[in-house]
Amino acid sequence: MILAKGTEGIQPTPLASAPQRSSYLIDRVSGPDQRRLCEMGLVEGAEIRIVNRAQRDMMVVKVGGSRLALARGMADHVWVK
């Protein structure tokens, strides 16, 4: 696992529950959409930022140079620190 400086004692949280407008490191990706999420660039160690919660069950994130829309169900399987 890749840890950024200062994240050693932080417990992972699902991306869907993380506060908006903050940057995180992806700790792990799980669930039935794991392969699809990884193909979208949501991989362990990648930096991710929540740009907007477009609707109650959707969010826009920035990972790498891309902005992606994620359903809450998918974001529940991305664990961040």
Protein backbone atom coordinates (compact mmCIF):
# COMPACT_ATOMS: atom_id res chain seq x y z
CA MET A 1 0.00 0.00 0.00
CA ILE A 2 1.24 3.49 -0.86
CA LEU A 3 0.91 6.04 1.92
CA ALA A 4 1.34 9.77 1.62
CA LYS A 5 3.28 11.56 4.29
CA GLY A 6 1.00 12.05 7.29
CA THR A 7 -1.65 9.43 6.37
CA GLU A 8 -0.22 6.51 8.38
CA GLY A 9 -2.69 6.75 11.32
CA ILE A 10 -5.75 7.82 9.31
CA GLN A 11 -8.53 5.25 8.96
CA PRO A 12 -9.84 4.71 5.42
CA THR A 13 -13.35 5.97 4.68
CA PRO A 14 -15.63 5.36 1.68
CA LEU A 15 -15.33 8.12 -0.90
CA ALA A 16 -19.12 8.53 -0.81
CA SER A 17 -18.87 9.62 2.86
CA ALA A 18 -15.81 11.88 2.52
CA PRO A 19 -16.19 15.68 2.75
CA GLN A 20 -16.38 17.63 -0.52
CA ARG A 21 -13.56 19.84 -1.84
CA SER A 22 -10.85 17.82 -0.15
CA SER A 23 -8.09 15.74 -1.72
CA TYR A 24 -7.48 12.14 -0.73
CA LEU A 25 -5.33 9.16 -1.64
CA ILE A 26 -7.11 6.02 -2.74
CA ASP A 27 -6.41 3.28 -0.19
CA ARG A 28 -8.26 0.47 -1.98
CA VAL A 29 -11.00 -0.28 -4.48
CA SER A 30 -13.40 -3.19 -3.99
CA GLY A 31 -16.82 -4.46 -4.99
CA PRO A 32 -18.42 -5.64 -8.21
CA ASP A 33 -17.26 -2.58 -10.19
CA GLN A 34 -13.62 -2.86 -9.11
CA ARG A 35 -12.29 -3.56 -12.60
CA ARG A 36 -14.28 -0.72 -14.17
CA LEU A 37 -13.20 1.74 -11.47
CA CYS A 38 -9.55 0.77 -11.98
CA GLU A 39 -9.90 1.25 -15.74
CA MET A 40 -11.22 4.76 -15.00
CA GLY A 41 -8.00 5.55 -13.08
CA LEU A 42 -9.28 4.95 -9.55
CA VAL A 43 -6.36 2.83 -8.39
CA GLU A 44 -4.55 2.42 -5.09
CA GLY A 45 -2.28 5.39 -4.40
CA ALA A 46 -3.94 7.77 -6.88
CA GLU A 47 -4.89 11.24 -5.67
CA ILE A 48 -8.59 12.02 -5.93
CA ARG A 49 -10.59 15.17 -5.21
CA ILE A 50 -14.34 15.52 -4.74
CA VAL A 51 -15.31 18.42 -6.99
CA ASN A 52 -19.08 18.42 -6.57
CA ARG A 53 -21.94 16.35 -5.28
CA ALA A 54 -24.14 16.85 -8.34
CA GLN A 55 -27.18 15.12 -6.87
CA ARG A 56 -27.96 13.08 -3.79
CA ASP A 57 -26.68 9.89 -5.38
CA MET A 58 -24.04 11.30 -7.79
CA MET A 59 -20.67 12.99 -7.35
CA VAL A 60 -18.05 14.50 -9.63
CA VAL A 61 -14.43 13.69 -8.82
CA LYS A 62 -11.10 14.63 -10.32
CA VAL A 63 -8.47 11.93 -10.64
CA GLY A 64 -5.36 12.48 -12.71
CA GLY A 65 -6.32 14.99 -15.37
CA SER A 66 -9.90 13.71 -15.70
CA ARG A 67 -13.23 14.59 -14.14
CA LEU A 68 -15.53 11.64 -13.59
CA ALA A 69 -19.15 11.28 -12.48
CA LEU A 70 -19.66 8.46 -10.00
CA ALA A 71 -22.85 6.98 -8.60
CA ARG A 72 -22.90 6.72 -4.81
CA GLY A 73 -22.98 2.93 -5.07
CA MET A 74 -19.67 2.94 -6.93
CA ALA A 75 -18.15 5.57 -4.62
CA ASP A 76 -18.98 3.36 -1.62
CA HIS A 77 -16.40 0.87 -2.91
CA VAL A 78 -13.55 3.40 -3.20
CA TRP A 79 -11.78 3.75 0.17
CA VAL A 80 -9.71 6.88 0.73
CA LYS A 81 -7.41 8.42 3.31
